[in-house]
């Protein structure tokens, strides 16, 4: 596990999300989660031009809901959403992230 001062996932400030139907089947978002740019021919980028209209609509739905909840997307990964990390602070104009290292003891 990476230290919280460099890894938003381990600090609880970032999540990887997709959409699924009522039966738990993942919807088409253009690539699998965690697809890298080489594997996906760049389709992993949130606003990639080389995805289907269905995938684009699903990404728009995901983005609309999560943005309304205050999360921000990391554009190289359509599935990566943050709240409270350094990237979130930068994009929302906050002075600092909401989390940081915690002294124990």
PDB file of N, CA and C in Angstrom:
ATOM      1  N   UNK A   1       0.847  -1.172   0.000  1.00  0.00           N
ATOM      2  CA  UNK A   1       0.000   0.000   0.000  1.00  0.00           C
ATOM      3  C   UNK A   1       0.897   1.241   0.000  1.00  0.00           C
ATOM      4  N   UNK A   2       0.512   2.237  -0.764  1.00  0.00           N
ATOM      5  CA  UNK A   2       1.261   3.487  -0.835  1.00  0.00           C
ATOM      6  C   UNK A   2       0.897   4.391   0.334  1.00  0.00           C
ATOM      7  N   UNK A   3       1.819   5.247   0.750  1.00  0.00           N
ATOM      8  CA  UNK A   3       1.517   6.166   1.846  1.00  0.00           C
ATOM      9  C   UNK A   3       0.433   7.169   1.457  1.00  0.00           C
ATOM     10  N   UNK A   4      -0.410   7.588   2.411  1.00  0.00           N
ATOM     11  CA  UNK A   4      -1.511   8.502   2.104  1.00  0.00           C
ATOM     12  C   UNK A   4      -1.094   9.828   1.493  1.00  0.00           C
ATOM     13  N   UNK A   5       0.118  10.294   1.778  1.00  0.00           N
ATOM     14  CA  UNK A   5       0.503  11.595   1.231  1.00  0.00           C
ATOM     15  C   UNK A   5       0.753  11.544  -0.274  1.00  0.00           C
ATOM     16  N   UNK A   6       0.804  10.356  -0.854  1.00  0.00           N
ATOM     17  CA  UNK A   6       0.976  10.266  -2.305  1.00  0.00           C
ATOM     18  C   UNK A   6      -0.091   9.442  -3.002  1.00  0.00           C
ATOM     19  N   UNK A   7      -0.900   8.710  -2.266  1.00  0.00           N
ATOM     20  CA  UNK A   7      -1.868   7.819  -2.906  1.00  0.00           C
ATOM     21  C   UNK A   7      -3.284   8.076  -2.391  1.00  0.00           C
ATOM     22  N   UNK A   8      -4.114   8.742  -3.184  1.00  0.00           N
ATOM     23  CA  UNK A   8      -5.462   9.052  -2.734  1.00  0.00           C
ATOM     24  C   UNK A   8      -6.321   7.819  -2.451  1.00  0.00           C
ATOM     25  N   UNK A   9      -6.108   6.727  -3.169  1.00  0.00           N
ATOM     26  CA  UNK A   9      -6.913   5.526  -2.906  1.00  0.00           C
ATOM     27  C   UNK A   9      -6.677   5.016  -1.490  1.00  0.00           C
ATOM     28  N   UNK A  10      -5.440   4.938  -1.078  1.00  0.00           N
ATOM     29  CA  UNK A  10      -5.155   4.379   0.248  1.00  0.00           C
ATOM     30  C   UNK A  10      -5.587   5.310   1.373  1.00  0.00           C
ATOM     31  N   UNK A  11      -5.830   6.565   1.050  1.00  0.00           N
ATOM     32  CA  UNK A  11      -6.310   7.512   2.054  1.00  0.00           C
ATOM     33  C   UNK A  11      -7.841   7.596   2.064  1.00  0.00           C
ATOM     34  N   UNK A  12      -8.479   6.877   1.175  1.00  0.00           N
ATOM     35  CA  UNK A  12      -9.930   6.928   1.090  1.00  0.00           C
ATOM     36  C   UNK A  12     -10.450   8.143   0.344  1.00  0.00           C
ATOM     37  N   UNK A  13      -9.584   8.835  -0.385  1.00  0.00           N
ATOM     38  CA  UNK A  13      -9.975  10.055  -1.084  1.00  0.00           C
ATOM     39  C   UNK A  13     -10.263   9.836  -2.560  1.00  0.00           C
ATOM     40  N   UNK A  14     -10.082   8.622  -3.052  1.00  0.00           N
ATOM     41  CA  UNK A  14     -10.359   8.330  -4.462  1.00  0.00           C
ATOM     42  C   UNK A  14     -10.954   6.937  -4.578  1.00  0.00           C
ATOM     43  N   UNK A  15     -11.830   6.807  -5.557  1.00  0.00           N
ATOM     44  CA  UNK A  15     -12.459   5.523  -5.828  1.00  0.00           C
ATOM     45  C   UNK A  15     -12.460   5.269  -7.331  1.00  0.00           C
ATOM     46  N   UNK A  16     -12.491   4.010  -7.699  1.00  0.00           N
ATOM     47  CA  UNK A  16     -12.652   3.605  -9.092  1.00  0.00           C
ATOM     48  C   UNK A  16     -14.069   3.073  -9.225  1.00  0.00           C
ATOM     49  N   UNK A  17     -14.843   3.693 -10.128  1.00  0.00           N
ATOM     50  CA  UNK A  17     -16.259   3.369 -10.256  1.00  0.00           C
ATOM     51  C   UNK A  17     -16.649   3.096 -11.698  1.00  0.00           C
ATOM     52  N   UNK A  18     -17.653   2.259 -11.863  1.00  0.00           N
ATOM     53  CA  UNK A  18     -18.259   2.024 -13.152  1.00  0.00           C
ATOM     54  C   UNK A  18     -19.767   1.982 -12.955  1.00  0.00           C
ATOM     55  N   UNK A  19     -20.500   1.699 -13.995  1.00  0.00           N
ATOM     56  CA  UNK A  19     -21.952   1.566 -13.922  1.00  0.00           C
ATOM     57  C   UNK A  19     -22.335   0.118 -14.182  1.00  0.00           C
ATOM     58  N   UNK A  20     -23.410  -0.312 -13.536  1.00  0.00           N
ATOM     59  CA  UNK A  20     -23.919  -1.665 -13.745  1.00  0.00           C
ATOM     60  C   UNK A  20     -25.440  -1.615 -13.814  1.00  0.00           C
ATOM     61  N   UNK A  21     -26.023  -2.624 -14.458  1.00  0.00           N
ATOM     62  CA  UNK A  21     -27.477  -2.701 -14.514  1.00  0.00           C
ATOM     63  C   UNK A  21     -28.006  -3.337 -13.226  1.00  0.00           C
ATOM     64  N   UNK A  22     -29.315  -3.508 -13.138  1.00  0.00           N
ATOM     65  CA  UNK A  22     -29.949  -4.036 -11.930  1.00  0.00           C
ATOM     66  C   UNK A  22     -29.492  -5.459 -11.595  1.00  0.00           C
ATOM     67  N   UNK A  23     -28.989  -6.180 -12.598  1.00  0.00           N
ATOM     68  CA  UNK A  23     -28.503  -7.541 -12.368  1.00  0.00           C
ATOM     69  C   UNK A  23     -27.006  -7.592 -12.062  1.00  0.00           C
ATOM     70  N   UNK A  24     -26.376  -6.426 -11.997  1.00  0.00           N
ATOM     71  CA  UNK A  24     -24.953  -6.375 -11.682  1.00  0.00           C
ATOM     72  C   UNK A  24     -24.029  -6.504 -12.868  1.00  0.00           C
ATOM     73  N   UNK A  25     -24.561  -6.480 -14.078  1.00  0.00           N
ATOM     74  CA  UNK A  25     -23.721  -6.556 -15.274  1.00  0.00           C
ATOM     75  C   UNK A  25     -23.199  -5.166 -15.609  1.00  0.00           C
ATOM     76  N   UNK A  26     -21.897  -5.058 -15.774  1.00  0.00           N
ATOM     77  CA  UNK A  26     -21.298  -3.758 -16.087  1.00  0.00           C
ATOM     78  C   UNK A  26     -21.791  -3.240 -17.434  1.00  0.00           C
ATOM     79  N   UNK A  27     -22.061  -1.944 -17.462  1.00  0.00           N
ATOM     80  CA  UNK A  27     -22.466  -1.299 -18.705  1.00  0.00           C
ATOM     81  C   UNK A  27     -21.236  -0.976 -19.540  1.00  0.00           C
ATOM     82  N   UNK A  28     -21.448  -0.708 -20.807  1.00  0.00           N
ATOM     83  CA  UNK A  28     -20.370  -0.370 -21.730  1.00  0.00           C
ATOM     84  C   UNK A  28     -19.895   1.057 -21.460  1.00  0.00           C
ATOM     85  N   UNK A  29     -18.651   1.189 -21.006  1.00  0.00           N
ATOM     86  CA  UNK A  29     -18.035   2.495 -20.850  1.00  0.00           C
ATOM     87  C   UNK A  29     -16.809   2.629 -21.746  1.00  0.00           C
ATOM     88  N   UNK A  30     -16.683   1.745 -22.695  1.00  0.00           N
ATOM     89  CA  UNK A  30     -15.639   1.871 -23.713  1.00  0.00           C
ATOM     90  C   UNK A  30     -14.401   1.053 -23.493  1.00  0.00           C
ATOM     91  N   UNK A  31     -14.033   0.846 -22.243  1.00  0.00           N
ATOM     92  CA  UNK A  31     -12.876   0.010 -21.895  1.00  0.00           C
ATOM     93  C   UNK A  31     -13.175  -0.644 -20.562  1.00  0.00           C
ATOM     94  N   UNK A  32     -12.360  -1.594 -20.199  1.00  0.00           N
ATOM     95  CA  UNK A  32     -12.448  -2.147 -18.856  1.00  0.00           C
ATOM     96  C   UNK A  32     -11.850  -1.123 -17.890  1.00  0.00           C
ATOM     97  N   UNK A  33     -12.212  -1.205 -16.631  1.00  0.00           N
ATOM     98  CA  UNK A  33     -11.552  -0.356 -15.641  1.00  0.00           C
ATOM     99  C   UNK A  33     -10.076  -0.741 -15.586  1.00  0.00           C
ATOM    100  N   UNK A  34      -9.234   0.235 -15.379  1.00  0.00           N
ATOM    101  CA  UNK A  34      -7.784   0.071 -15.282  1.00  0.00           C
ATOM    102  C   UNK A  34      -7.101  -0.261 -16.598  1.00  0.00           C
ATOM    103  N   UNK A  35      -7.792  -0.066 -17.711  1.00  0.00           N
ATOM    104  CA  UNK A  35      -7.139  -0.242 -19.011  1.00  0.00           C
ATOM    105  C   UNK A  35      -6.118   0.870 -19.196  1.00  0.00           C
ATOM    106  N   UNK A  36      -4.933   0.523 -19.662  1.00  0.00           N
ATOM    107  CA  UNK A  36      -3.926   1.566 -19.867  1.00  0.00           C
ATOM    108  C   UNK A  36      -4.047   2.137 -21.279  1.00  0.00           C
ATOM    109  N   UNK A  37      -3.399   3.289 -21.525  1.00  0.00           N
ATOM    110  CA  UNK A  37      -3.516   3.935 -22.835  1.00  0.00           C
ATOM    111  C   UNK A  37      -3.055   3.059 -24.002  1.00  0.00           C
ATOM    112  N   UNK A  38      -2.029   2.263 -23.792  1.00  0.00           N
ATOM    113  CA  UNK A  38      -1.531   1.410 -24.864  1.00  0.00           C
ATOM    114  C   UNK A  38      -2.551   0.324 -25.208  1.00  0.00           C
ATOM    115  N   UNK A  39      -3.063  -0.337 -24.196  1.00  0.00           N
ATOM    116  CA  UNK A  39      -4.034  -1.420 -24.391  1.00  0.00           C
ATOM    117  C   UNK A  39      -5.322  -0.917 -25.034  1.00  0.00           C
ATOM    118  N   UNK A  40      -5.746   0.288 -24.644  1.00  0.00           N
ATOM    119  CA  UNK A  40      -7.044   0.804 -25.079  1.00  0.00           C
ATOM    120  C   UNK A  40      -6.961   1.787 -26.242  1.00  0.00           C
ATOM    121  N   UNK A  41      -5.780   1.974 -26.788  1.00  0.00           N
ATOM    122  CA  UNK A  41      -5.565   2.968 -27.852  1.00  0.00           C
ATOM    123  C   UNK A  41      -6.062   4.345 -27.409  1.00  0.00           C
ATOM    124  N   UNK A  42      -5.856   4.639 -26.131  1.00  0.00           N
ATOM    125  CA  UNK A  42      -6.243   5.938 -25.588  1.00  0.00           C
ATOM    126  C   UNK A  42      -7.700   6.047 -25.178  1.00  0.00           C
ATOM    127  N   UNK A  43      -8.481   4.991 -25.357  1.00  0.00           N
ATOM    128  CA  UNK A  43      -9.901   5.045 -25.011  1.00  0.00           C
ATOM    129  C   UNK A  43     -10.139   5.121 -23.508  1.00  0.00           C
ATOM    130  N   UNK A  44      -9.114   4.911 -22.703  1.00  0.00           N
ATOM    131  CA  UNK A  44      -9.249   5.023 -21.250  1.00  0.00           C
ATOM    132  C   UNK A  44      -9.423   6.479 -20.807  1.00  0.00           C
ATOM    133  N   UNK A  45      -9.014   7.428 -21.638  1.00  0.00           N
ATOM    134  CA  UNK A  45      -9.183   8.838 -21.295  1.00  0.00           C
ATOM    135  C   UNK A  45     -10.663   9.183 -21.266  1.00  0.00           C
ATOM    136  N   UNK A  46     -11.072   9.930 -20.278  1.00  0.00           N
ATOM    137  CA  UNK A  46     -12.486  10.224 -20.064  1.00  0.00           C
ATOM    138  C   UNK A  46     -13.176  10.744 -21.314  1.00  0.00           C
ATOM    139  N   UNK A  47     -12.555  11.645 -22.032  1.00  0.00           N
ATOM    140  CA  UNK A  47     -13.182  12.253 -23.204  1.00  0.00           C
ATOM    141  C   UNK A  47     -12.588  11.719 -24.508  1.00  0.00           C
ATOM    142  N   UNK A  48     -12.221  10.447 -24.509  1.00  0.00           N
ATOM    143  CA  UNK A  48     -11.638   9.824 -25.704  1.00  0.00           C
ATOM    144  C   UNK A  48     -12.617   9.888 -26.872  1.00  0.00           C
ATOM    145  N   UNK A  49     -12.122  10.227 -28.056  1.00  0.00           N
ATOM    146  CA  UNK A  49     -13.008  10.291 -29.220  1.00  0.00           C
ATOM    147  C   UNK A  49     -13.314   8.918 -29.830  1.00  0.00           C
ATOM    148  N   UNK A  50     -12.522   7.914 -29.491  1.00  0.00           N
ATOM    149  CA  UNK A  50     -12.634   6.609 -30.144  1.00  0.00           C
ATOM    150  C   UNK A  50     -13.447   5.596 -29.329  1.00  0.00           C
ATOM    151  N   UNK A  51     -14.590   6.043 -28.786  1.00  0.00           N
ATOM    152  CA  UNK A  51     -15.499   5.136 -28.089  1.00  0.00           C
ATOM    153  C   UNK A  51     -16.888   5.250 -28.725  1.00  0.00           C
ATOM    154  N   UNK A  52     -17.721   4.275 -28.476  1.00  0.00           N
ATOM    155  CA  UNK A  52     -19.060   4.270 -29.063  1.00  0.00           C
ATOM    156  C   UNK A  52     -19.949   5.340 -28.416  1.00  0.00           C
ATOM    157  N   UNK A  53     -21.034   5.651 -29.089  1.00  0.00           N
ATOM    158  CA  UNK A  53     -22.005   6.612 -28.529  1.00  0.00           C
ATOM    159  C   UNK A  53     -22.592   6.083 -27.228  1.00  0.00           C
ATOM    160  N   UNK A  54     -22.810   4.773 -27.157  1.00  0.00           N
ATOM    161  CA  UNK A  54     -23.328   4.168 -25.924  1.00  0.00           C
ATOM    162  C   UNK A  54     -22.346   4.379 -24.772  1.00  0.00           C
ATOM    163  N   UNK A  55     -21.065   4.107 -25.007  1.00  0.00           N
ATOM    164  CA  UNK A  55     -20.049   4.299 -23.975  1.00  0.00           C
ATOM    165  C   UNK A  55     -19.959   5.770 -23.584  1.00  0.00           C
ATOM    166  N   UNK A  56     -20.031   6.660 -24.561  1.00  0.00           N
ATOM    167  CA  UNK A  56     -19.972   8.096 -24.287  1.00  0.00           C
ATOM    168  C   UNK A  56     -21.152   8.526 -23.408  1.00  0.00           C
ATOM    169  N   UNK A  57     -22.345   8.027 -23.710  1.00  0.00           N
ATOM    170  CA  UNK A  57     -23.535   8.358 -22.918  1.00  0.00           C
ATOM    171  C   UNK A  57     -23.404   7.817 -21.494  1.00  0.00           C
ATOM    172  N   UNK A  58     -22.871   6.613 -21.356  1.00  0.00           N
ATOM    173  CA  UNK A  58     -22.685   6.041 -20.022  1.00  0.00           C
ATOM    174  C   UNK A  58     -21.638   6.812 -19.219  1.00  0.00           C
ATOM    175  N   UNK A  59     -20.566   7.233 -19.878  1.00  0.00           N
ATOM    176  CA  UNK A  59     -19.559   8.047 -19.192  1.00  0.00           C
ATOM    177  C   UNK A  59     -20.151   9.391 -18.785  1.00  0.00           C
ATOM    178  N   UNK A  60     -20.994   9.957 -19.643  1.00  0.00           N
ATOM    179  CA  UNK A  60     -21.633  11.229 -19.307  1.00  0.00           C
ATOM    180  C   UNK A  60     -22.535  11.066 -18.090  1.00  0.00           C
ATOM    181  N   UNK A  61     -23.301   9.986 -18.037  1.00  0.00           N
ATOM    182  CA  UNK A  61     -24.156   9.723 -16.879  1.00  0.00           C
ATOM    183  C   UNK A  61     -23.324   9.590 -15.611  1.00  0.00           C
ATOM    184  N   UNK A  62     -22.282   8.787 -15.664  1.00  0.00           N
ATOM    185  CA  UNK A  62     -21.401   8.603 -14.513  1.00  0.00           C
ATOM    186  C   UNK A  62     -20.825   9.940 -14.067  1.00  0.00           C
ATOM    187  N   UNK A  63     -20.330  10.716 -15.013  1.00  0.00           N
ATOM    188  CA  UNK A  63     -19.731  12.008 -14.695  1.00  0.00           C
ATOM    189  C   UNK A  63     -20.717  13.008 -14.131  1.00  0.00           C
ATOM    190  N   UNK A  64     -21.914  13.043 -14.676  1.00  0.00           N
ATOM    191  CA  UNK A  64     -22.930  13.982 -14.204  1.00  0.00           C
ATOM    192  C   UNK A  64     -23.286  13.708 -12.754  1.00  0.00           C
ATOM    193  N   UNK A  65     -23.506  12.456 -12.429  1.00  0.00           N
ATOM    194  CA  UNK A  65     -23.890  12.081 -11.068  1.00  0.00           C
ATOM    195  C   UNK A  65     -22.759  12.345 -10.076  1.00  0.00           C
ATOM    196  N   UNK A  66     -21.553  11.930 -10.422  1.00  0.00           N
ATOM    197  CA  UNK A  66     -20.437  12.070  -9.492  1.00  0.00           C
ATOM    198  C   UNK A  66     -19.993  13.518  -9.334  1.00  0.00           C
ATOM    199  N   UNK A  67     -20.034  14.280 -10.412  1.00  0.00           N
ATOM    200  CA  UNK A  67     -19.698  15.708 -10.319  1.00  0.00           C
ATOM    201  C   UNK A  67     -20.721  16.426  -9.436  1.00  0.00           C
ATOM    202  N   UNK A  68     -21.989  16.084  -9.571  1.00  0.00           N
ATOM    203  CA  UNK A  68     -23.033  16.689  -8.738  1.00  0.00           C
ATOM    204  C   UNK A  68     -22.817  16.360  -7.260  1.00  0.00           C
ATOM    205  N   UNK A  69     -22.196  15.229  -6.983  1.00  0.00           N
ATOM    206  CA  UNK A  69     -21.904  14.833  -5.602  1.00  0.00           C
ATOM    207  C   UNK A  69     -20.609  15.457  -5.088  1.00  0.00           C
ATOM    208  N   UNK A  70     -19.910  16.224  -5.938  1.00  0.00           N
ATOM    209  CA  UNK A  70     -18.701  16.914  -5.507  1.00  0.00           C
ATOM    210  C   UNK A  70     -17.394  16.235  -5.835  1.00  0.00           C
ATOM    211  N   UNK A  71     -17.442  15.125  -6.547  1.00  0.00           N
ATOM    212  CA  UNK A  71     -16.216  14.433  -6.916  1.00  0.00           C
ATOM    213  C   UNK A  71     -15.642  15.030  -8.199  1.00  0.00           C
ATOM    214  N   UNK A  72     -14.365  14.810  -8.432  1.00  0.00           N
ATOM    215  CA  UNK A  72     -13.707  15.236  -9.662  1.00  0.00           C
ATOM    216  C   UNK A  72     -13.061  14.025 -10.320  1.00  0.00           C
ATOM    217  N   UNK A  73     -13.022  14.050 -11.631  1.00  0.00           N
ATOM    218  CA  UNK A  73     -12.465  12.957 -12.408  1.00  0.00           C
ATOM    219  C   UNK A  73     -11.007  13.220 -12.741  1.00  0.00           C
ATOM    220  N   UNK A  74     -10.217  12.151 -12.741  1.00  0.00           N
ATOM    221  CA  UNK A  74      -8.845  12.187 -13.213  1.00  0.00           C
ATOM    222  C   UNK A  74      -8.901  11.807 -14.696  1.00  0.00           C
ATOM    223  N   UNK A  75      -8.758  12.789 -15.614  1.00  0.00           N
ATOM    224  CA  UNK A  75      -9.053  12.575 -17.038  1.00  0.00           C
ATOM    225  C   UNK A  75      -8.361  11.410 -17.741  1.00  0.00           C
ATOM    226  N   UNK A  76      -7.156  10.961 -17.346  1.00  0.00           N
ATOM    227  CA  UNK A  76      -6.596   9.798 -18.031  1.00  0.00           C
ATOM    228  C   UNK A  76      -7.313   8.478 -17.720  1.00  0.00           C
ATOM    229  N   UNK A  77      -8.211   8.497 -16.707  1.00  0.00           N
ATOM    230  CA  UNK A  77      -8.907   7.276 -16.296  1.00  0.00           C
ATOM    231  C   UNK A  77     -10.381   7.605 -16.064  1.00  0.00           C
ATOM    232  N   UNK A  78     -11.265   7.213 -16.967  1.00  0.00           N
ATOM    233  CA  UNK A  78     -12.679   7.556 -16.842  1.00  0.00           C
ATOM    234  C   UNK A  78     -13.272   7.052 -15.529  1.00  0.00           C
ATOM    235  N   UNK A  79     -12.720   6.022 -14.954  1.00  0.00           N
ATOM    236  CA  UNK A  79     -13.244   5.369 -13.752  1.00  0.00           C
ATOM    237  C   UNK A  79     -12.747   5.977 -12.446  1.00  0.00           C
ATOM    238  N   UNK A  80     -11.732   6.843 -12.483  1.00  0.00           N
ATOM    239  CA  UNK A  80     -11.082   7.356 -11.269  1.00  0.00           C
ATOM    240  C   UNK A  80     -11.714   8.676 -10.831  1.00  0.00           C
ATOM    241  N   UNK A  81     -12.280   8.683  -9.631  1.00  0.00           N
ATOM    242  CA  UNK A  81     -12.964   9.855  -9.084  1.00  0.00           C
ATOM    243  C   UNK A  81     -12.435  10.169  -7.692  1.00  0.00           C
ATOM    244  N   UNK A  82     -12.234  11.458  -7.412  1.00  0.00           N
ATOM    245  CA  UNK A  82     -11.624  11.890  -6.158  1.00  0.00           C
ATOM    246  C   UNK A  82     -12.512  12.857  -5.393  1.00  0.00           C
ATOM    247  N   UNK A  83     -12.346  12.815  -4.087  1.00  0.00           N
ATOM    248  CA  UNK A  83     -12.953  13.806  -3.207  1.00  0.00           C
ATOM    249  C   UNK A  83     -12.018  13.984  -2.024  1.00  0.00           C
ATOM    250  N   UNK A  84     -11.456  15.158  -1.897  1.00  0.00           N
ATOM    251  CA  UNK A  84     -10.617  15.462  -0.746  1.00  0.00           C
ATOM    252  C   UNK A  84      -9.129  15.278  -0.946  1.00  0.00           C
ATOM    253  N   UNK A  85      -8.688  14.796  -2.089  1.00  0.00           N
ATOM    254  CA  UNK A  85      -7.246  14.639  -2.308  1.00  0.00           C
ATOM    255  C   UNK A  85      -6.648  15.904  -2.924  1.00  0.00           C
ATOM    256  N   UNK A  86      -5.364  15.877  -3.204  1.00  0.00           N
ATOM    257  CA  UNK A  86      -4.691  17.066  -3.755  1.00  0.00           C
ATOM    258  C   UNK A  86      -5.260  17.465  -5.108  1.00  0.00           C
ATOM    259  N   UNK A  87      -5.568  16.497  -5.942  1.00  0.00           N
ATOM    260  CA  UNK A  87      -6.113  16.794  -7.271  1.00  0.00           C
ATOM    261  C   UNK A  87      -7.479  17.452  -7.144  1.00  0.00           C
ATOM    262  N   UNK A  88      -8.303  16.953  -6.264  1.00  0.00           N
ATOM    263  CA  UNK A  88      -9.618  17.539  -5.987  1.00  0.00           C
ATOM    264  C   UNK A  88      -9.462  18.981  -5.513  1.00  0.00           C
ATOM    265  N   UNK A  89      -8.517  19.213  -4.594  1.00  0.00           N
ATOM    266  CA  UNK A  89      -8.292  20.564  -4.084  1.00  0.00           C
ATOM    267  C   UNK A  89      -7.890  21.509  -5.218  1.00  0.00           C
ATOM    268  N   UNK A  90      -7.023  21.059  -6.086  1.00  0.00           N
ATOM    269  CA  UNK A  90      -6.582  21.879  -7.213  1.00  0.00           C
ATOM    270  C   UNK A  90      -7.762  22.242  -8.120  1.00  0.00           C
ATOM    271  N   UNK A  91      -8.568  21.251  -8.499  1.00  0.00           N
ATOM    272  CA  UNK A  91      -9.660  21.492  -9.435  1.00  0.00           C
ATOM    273  C   UNK A  91     -10.828  22.271  -8.833  1.00  0.00           C
ATOM    274  N   UNK A  92     -10.998  22.182  -7.533  1.00  0.00           N
ATOM    275  CA  UNK A  92     -12.107  22.884  -6.899  1.00  0.00           C
ATOM    276  C   UNK A  92     -11.692  24.213  -6.278  1.00  0.00           C
ATOM    277  N   UNK A  93     -10.410  24.553  -6.385  1.00  0.00           N
ATOM    278  CA  UNK A  93      -9.932  25.818  -5.857  1.00  0.00           C
ATOM    279  C   UNK A  93      -9.767  25.850  -4.340  1.00  0.00           C
ATOM    280  N   UNK A  94      -9.729  24.688  -3.710  1.00  0.00           N
ATOM    281  CA  UNK A  94      -9.512  24.621  -2.259  1.00  0.00           C
ATOM    282  C   UNK A  94      -8.042  24.869  -1.957  1.00  0.00           C
ATOM    283  N   UNK A  95      -7.780  25.400  -0.779  1.00  0.00           N
ATOM    284  CA  UNK A  95      -6.401  25.709  -0.383  1.00  0.00           C
ATOM    285  C   UNK A  95      -5.574  24.456  -0.123  1.00  0.00           C
ATOM    286  N   UNK A  96      -6.243  23.366   0.259  1.00  0.00           N
ATOM    287  CA  UNK A  96      -5.514  22.143   0.600  1.00  0.00           C
ATOM    288  C   UNK A  96      -6.452  20.944   0.505  1.00  0.00           C
ATOM    289  N   UNK A  97      -5.858  19.778   0.477  1.00  0.00           N
ATOM    290  CA  UNK A  97      -6.631  18.536   0.520  1.00  0.00           C
ATOM    291  C   UNK A  97      -7.284  18.403   1.893  1.00  0.00           C
ATOM    292  N   UNK A  98      -8.308  17.586   1.967  1.00  0.00           N
ATOM    293  CA  UNK A  98      -9.004  17.371   3.229  1.00  0.00           C
ATOM    294  C   UNK A  98      -8.341  16.322   4.108  1.00  0.00           C
ATOM    295  N   UNK A  99      -7.435  15.558   3.559  1.00  0.00           N
ATOM    296  CA  UNK A  99      -6.764  14.522   4.336  1.00  0.00           C
ATOM    297  C   UNK A  99      -5.273  14.769   4.288  1.00  0.00           C
ATOM    298  N   UNK A 100      -4.574  14.083   5.131  1.00  0.00           N
ATOM    299  CA  UNK A 100      -3.119  14.143   5.149  1.00  0.00           C
ATOM    300  C   UNK A 100      -2.604  13.086   6.094  1.00  0.00           C
ATOM    301  N   UNK A 101      -1.308  12.976   6.230  1.00  0.00           N
ATOM    302  CA  UNK A 101      -0.739  11.997   7.146  1.00  0.00           C
ATOM    303  C   UNK A 101      -1.211  12.264   8.573  1.00  0.00           C
ATOM    304  N   UNK A 102      -1.402  11.217   9.316  1.00  0.00           N
ATOM    305  CA  UNK A 102      -1.867  11.319  10.700  1.00  0.00           C
ATOM    306  C   UNK A 102      -0.789  10.817  11.622  1.00  0.00           C
ATOM    307  N   UNK A 103      -0.438  11.637  12.602  1.00  0.00           N
ATOM    308  CA  UNK A 103       0.529  11.210  13.623  1.00  0.00           C
ATOM    309  C   UNK A 103      -0.164  10.265  14.595  1.00  0.00           C
ATOM    310  N   UNK A 104       0.439   9.127  14.845  1.00  0.00           N
ATOM    311  CA  UNK A 104      -0.101   8.170  15.813  1.00  0.00           C
ATOM    312  C   UNK A 104       0.724   8.219  17.082  1.00  0.00           C
ATOM    313  N   UNK A 105       0.048   8.087  18.182  1.00  0.00           N
ATOM    314  CA  UNK A 105       0.832   7.994  19.413  1.00  0.00           C
ATOM    315  C   UNK A 105       0.506   8.957  20.389  1.00  0.00           C
TER     316      UNK A 105
END
